[in-house]
Amino acid sequence: MSQQCTHLDMIHEVKPSARGCEDCLKTGDSWVHLRICLTCGHVGCCDNSKNKHATRHFHETNHPIVQSFQPGEDWKWCYIDKVYID
């Protein structure tokens, strides 16, 4: 039996905090792919990026669910339950 996300109630309608990784833009750094926090709208870079700002945001805030912020992608991931969400 596959595990399901138990944090769907944390998903809100959000506005992106930036057009790129919010934290990399502040420091002039670059990123590989982007993720948006579905609790607050923070846009951070993925774990393939050297700064891993999306995961860092999760550790700082405990906001559990991100969605890909890449054009043409719409998958979601729950950091706590470690599952993809349909």
N, C-alpha and C. Protein backbone atom coordinates (compact mmCIF):
# COMPACT_ATOMS: atom_id res chain seq x y z
N MET A 1 0.84 -1.18 0.00
CA MET A 1 0.00 0.00 0.00
C MET A 1 0.89 1.25 0.00
N SER A 2 0.65 2.16 -0.93
CA SER A 2 1.49 3.34 -1.02
C SER A 2 1.08 4.38 0.02
N GLN A 3 2.07 5.09 0.50
CA GLN A 3 1.85 6.13 1.50
C GLN A 3 1.22 7.35 0.83
N GLN A 4 0.36 8.06 1.56
CA GLN A 4 -0.26 9.26 1.04
C GLN A 4 0.16 10.46 1.87
N CYS A 5 0.03 11.61 1.28
CA CYS A 5 0.36 12.85 1.98
C CYS A 5 -0.74 13.18 2.99
N THR A 6 -0.32 13.51 4.19
CA THR A 6 -1.27 13.86 5.25
C THR A 6 -1.27 15.37 5.52
N HIS A 7 -0.72 16.15 4.58
CA HIS A 7 -0.58 17.59 4.79
C HIS A 7 -1.29 18.42 3.73
N LEU A 8 -2.26 17.83 3.05
CA LEU A 8 -2.95 18.54 1.97
C LEU A 8 -3.65 19.79 2.47
N ASP A 9 -3.98 19.84 3.75
CA ASP A 9 -4.64 21.02 4.31
C ASP A 9 -3.68 22.22 4.39
N MET A 10 -2.41 22.01 4.14
CA MET A 10 -1.41 23.08 4.16
C MET A 10 -1.26 23.76 2.80
N ILE A 11 -1.96 23.24 1.78
CA ILE A 11 -1.91 23.84 0.45
C ILE A 11 -2.84 25.03 0.41
N HIS A 12 -2.30 26.17 -0.04
CA HIS A 12 -3.08 27.40 -0.15
C HIS A 12 -2.90 27.97 -1.55
N GLU A 13 -3.78 28.87 -1.94
CA GLU A 13 -3.58 29.61 -3.17
C GLU A 13 -2.50 30.65 -2.88
N VAL A 14 -1.41 30.58 -3.60
CA VAL A 14 -0.26 31.44 -3.30
C VAL A 14 0.16 32.23 -4.52
N LYS A 15 0.84 33.34 -4.27
CA LYS A 15 1.48 34.13 -5.32
C LYS A 15 2.98 33.88 -5.21
N PRO A 16 3.66 33.64 -6.32
CA PRO A 16 5.12 33.44 -6.28
C PRO A 16 5.82 34.64 -5.66
N SER A 17 6.78 34.38 -4.80
CA SER A 17 7.52 35.44 -4.14
C SER A 17 8.51 36.13 -5.08
N ALA A 18 8.85 35.47 -6.17
CA ALA A 18 9.82 36.02 -7.14
C ALA A 18 9.67 35.27 -8.46
N ARG A 19 10.33 35.79 -9.51
CA ARG A 19 10.29 35.13 -10.82
C ARG A 19 11.37 34.08 -10.95
N GLY A 20 12.27 34.03 -9.98
CA GLY A 20 13.34 33.04 -9.92
C GLY A 20 13.53 32.69 -8.46
N CYS A 21 14.62 32.01 -8.13
CA CYS A 21 14.88 31.67 -6.73
C CYS A 21 15.05 32.97 -5.94
N GLU A 22 14.16 33.19 -5.00
CA GLU A 22 14.16 34.43 -4.22
C GLU A 22 15.51 34.69 -3.56
N ASP A 23 16.08 33.66 -2.96
CA ASP A 23 17.34 33.82 -2.23
C ASP A 23 18.54 33.97 -3.16
N CYS A 24 18.58 33.22 -4.26
CA CYS A 24 19.68 33.35 -5.22
C CYS A 24 19.65 34.73 -5.89
N LEU A 25 18.47 35.25 -6.16
CA LEU A 25 18.36 36.58 -6.75
C LEU A 25 18.96 37.63 -5.83
N LYS A 26 18.77 37.47 -4.52
CA LYS A 26 19.31 38.43 -3.55
C LYS A 26 20.83 38.41 -3.52
N THR A 27 21.43 37.23 -3.75
CA THR A 27 22.88 37.09 -3.65
C THR A 27 23.58 37.10 -5.02
N GLY A 28 22.80 37.12 -6.09
CA GLY A 28 23.38 37.11 -7.42
C GLY A 28 23.85 35.74 -7.86
N ASP A 29 23.34 34.68 -7.22
CA ASP A 29 23.73 33.32 -7.55
C ASP A 29 22.81 32.73 -8.62
N SER A 30 23.10 31.53 -9.07
CA SER A 30 22.30 30.87 -10.10
C SER A 30 21.66 29.61 -9.54
N TRP A 31 20.74 29.04 -10.31
CA TRP A 31 20.02 27.83 -9.89
C TRP A 31 19.81 26.93 -11.09
N VAL A 32 19.36 25.69 -10.81
CA VAL A 32 19.07 24.72 -11.86
C VAL A 32 17.58 24.71 -12.17
N HIS A 33 16.75 24.35 -11.19
CA HIS A 33 15.29 24.31 -11.34
C HIS A 33 14.66 24.99 -10.14
N LEU A 34 13.38 25.34 -10.28
CA LEU A 34 12.69 26.08 -9.22
C LEU A 34 11.53 25.29 -8.64
N ARG A 35 11.26 25.56 -7.35
CA ARG A 35 10.13 24.98 -6.63
C ARG A 35 9.39 26.12 -5.94
N ILE A 36 8.06 26.00 -5.82
CA ILE A 36 7.27 27.00 -5.10
C ILE A 36 6.60 26.34 -3.90
N CYS A 37 6.70 26.99 -2.76
CA CYS A 37 6.06 26.50 -1.54
C CYS A 37 4.57 26.75 -1.66
N LEU A 38 3.77 25.71 -1.46
CA LEU A 38 2.33 25.85 -1.60
C LEU A 38 1.66 26.32 -0.31
N THR A 39 2.44 26.64 0.71
CA THR A 39 1.90 27.24 1.92
C THR A 39 2.01 28.76 1.86
N CYS A 40 3.18 29.26 1.38
CA CYS A 40 3.39 30.72 1.43
C CYS A 40 3.81 31.35 0.11
N GLY A 41 4.19 30.56 -0.90
CA GLY A 41 4.57 31.10 -2.19
C GLY A 41 6.06 31.35 -2.38
N HIS A 42 6.88 31.00 -1.39
CA HIS A 42 8.33 31.17 -1.52
C HIS A 42 8.84 30.37 -2.72
N VAL A 43 9.60 31.03 -3.60
CA VAL A 43 10.20 30.34 -4.74
C VAL A 43 11.66 30.09 -4.40
N GLY A 44 12.05 28.81 -4.44
CA GLY A 44 13.42 28.43 -4.11
C GLY A 44 13.97 27.46 -5.13
N CYS A 45 15.29 27.32 -5.12
CA CYS A 45 15.94 26.42 -6.07
C CYS A 45 15.93 24.98 -5.55
N CYS A 46 16.02 24.05 -6.50
CA CYS A 46 15.91 22.62 -6.21
C CYS A 46 17.19 22.06 -5.59
N ASP A 47 17.14 20.80 -5.21
CA ASP A 47 18.30 20.15 -4.59
C ASP A 47 19.44 19.88 -5.57
N ASN A 48 19.20 20.01 -6.87
CA ASN A 48 20.30 19.91 -7.84
C ASN A 48 21.04 21.24 -7.95
N SER A 49 20.50 22.28 -7.37
CA SER A 49 21.16 23.58 -7.32
C SER A 49 22.08 23.59 -6.11
N LYS A 50 23.17 24.34 -6.17
CA LYS A 50 24.15 24.27 -5.08
C LYS A 50 23.61 24.79 -3.76
N ASN A 51 22.64 25.73 -3.78
CA ASN A 51 22.14 26.31 -2.53
C ASN A 51 20.93 25.58 -1.93
N LYS A 52 20.20 24.83 -2.73
CA LYS A 52 19.05 24.04 -2.24
C LYS A 52 18.09 24.88 -1.40
N HIS A 53 17.73 26.06 -1.90
CA HIS A 53 16.92 26.98 -1.12
C HIS A 53 15.50 26.48 -0.85
N ALA A 54 14.91 25.69 -1.74
CA ALA A 54 13.56 25.17 -1.49
C ALA A 54 13.57 24.25 -0.26
N THR A 55 14.53 23.35 -0.20
CA THR A 55 14.64 22.44 0.96
C THR A 55 15.01 23.22 2.21
N ARG A 56 15.88 24.21 2.08
CA ARG A 56 16.25 25.04 3.23
C ARG A 56 15.01 25.76 3.77
N HIS A 57 14.16 26.25 2.87
CA HIS A 57 12.92 26.91 3.28
C HIS A 57 12.04 25.94 4.08
N PHE A 58 11.94 24.70 3.62
CA PHE A 58 11.18 23.70 4.37
C PHE A 58 11.74 23.53 5.78
N HIS A 59 13.06 23.38 5.91
CA HIS A 59 13.67 23.18 7.22
C HIS A 59 13.49 24.39 8.14
N GLU A 60 13.45 25.59 7.56
CA GLU A 60 13.27 26.80 8.38
C GLU A 60 11.82 27.04 8.78
N THR A 61 10.86 26.61 7.95
CA THR A 61 9.46 26.96 8.17
C THR A 61 8.55 25.77 8.48
N ASN A 62 9.01 24.57 8.10
CA ASN A 62 8.20 23.36 8.20
C ASN A 62 6.98 23.39 7.27
N HIS A 63 7.03 24.20 6.21
CA HIS A 63 5.99 24.19 5.19
C HIS A 63 6.23 22.95 4.34
N PRO A 64 5.32 21.98 4.34
CA PRO A 64 5.63 20.65 3.83
C PRO A 64 5.59 20.42 2.33
N ILE A 65 4.82 21.21 1.56
CA ILE A 65 4.58 20.83 0.17
C ILE A 65 5.10 21.88 -0.80
N VAL A 66 5.87 21.41 -1.78
CA VAL A 66 6.33 22.27 -2.88
C VAL A 66 5.78 21.73 -4.18
N GLN A 67 5.73 22.61 -5.16
CA GLN A 67 5.35 22.23 -6.51
C GLN A 67 6.46 22.70 -7.44
N SER A 68 6.68 21.94 -8.50
CA SER A 68 7.65 22.39 -9.49
C SER A 68 7.20 23.74 -10.03
N PHE A 69 8.14 24.65 -10.19
CA PHE A 69 7.86 25.97 -10.74
C PHE A 69 8.48 26.08 -12.14
N GLN A 70 8.66 24.93 -12.77
CA GLN A 70 9.20 24.85 -14.12
C GLN A 70 8.06 24.82 -15.13
N PRO A 71 8.16 25.55 -16.23
CA PRO A 71 7.12 25.51 -17.26
C PRO A 71 6.87 24.07 -17.72
N GLY A 72 5.59 23.71 -17.81
CA GLY A 72 5.21 22.38 -18.29
C GLY A 72 5.23 21.29 -17.24
N GLU A 73 5.64 21.61 -16.01
CA GLU A 73 5.64 20.62 -14.93
C GLU A 73 4.62 21.04 -13.87
N ASP A 74 3.90 20.06 -13.32
CA ASP A 74 2.93 20.41 -12.28
C ASP A 74 2.94 19.44 -11.10
N TRP A 75 4.01 18.67 -10.94
CA TRP A 75 4.07 17.72 -9.84
C TRP A 75 4.29 18.45 -8.51
N LYS A 76 3.85 17.77 -7.44
CA LYS A 76 4.00 18.29 -6.08
C LYS A 76 4.72 17.25 -5.23
N TRP A 77 5.44 17.70 -4.19
CA TRP A 77 6.20 16.82 -3.31
C TRP A 77 5.96 17.23 -1.86
N CYS A 78 5.73 16.24 -1.00
CA CYS A 78 5.61 16.49 0.44
C CYS A 78 6.92 16.08 1.10
N TYR A 79 7.62 17.06 1.70
CA TYR A 79 8.88 16.78 2.38
C TYR A 79 8.69 15.87 3.60
N ILE A 80 7.61 16.04 4.31
CA ILE A 80 7.41 15.28 5.55
C ILE A 80 7.06 13.83 5.25
N ASP A 81 6.07 13.61 4.38
CA ASP A 81 5.66 12.24 4.07
C ASP A 81 6.53 11.59 2.99
N LYS A 82 7.37 12.40 2.34
CA LYS A 82 8.29 11.92 1.29
C LYS A 82 7.54 11.19 0.17
N VAL A 83 6.49 11.87 -0.34
CA VAL A 83 5.69 11.30 -1.43
C VAL A 83 5.35 12.39 -2.44
N TYR A 84 5.18 11.96 -3.70
CA TYR A 84 4.66 12.84 -4.72
C TYR A 84 3.14 12.88 -4.59
N ILE A 85 2.55 14.01 -4.92
CA ILE A 85 1.11 14.20 -4.79
C ILE A 85 0.53 14.39 -6.19
N ASP A 86 -0.55 13.72 -6.47
CA ASP A 86 -1.22 13.85 -7.77
C ASP A 86 -1.91 15.18 -7.90
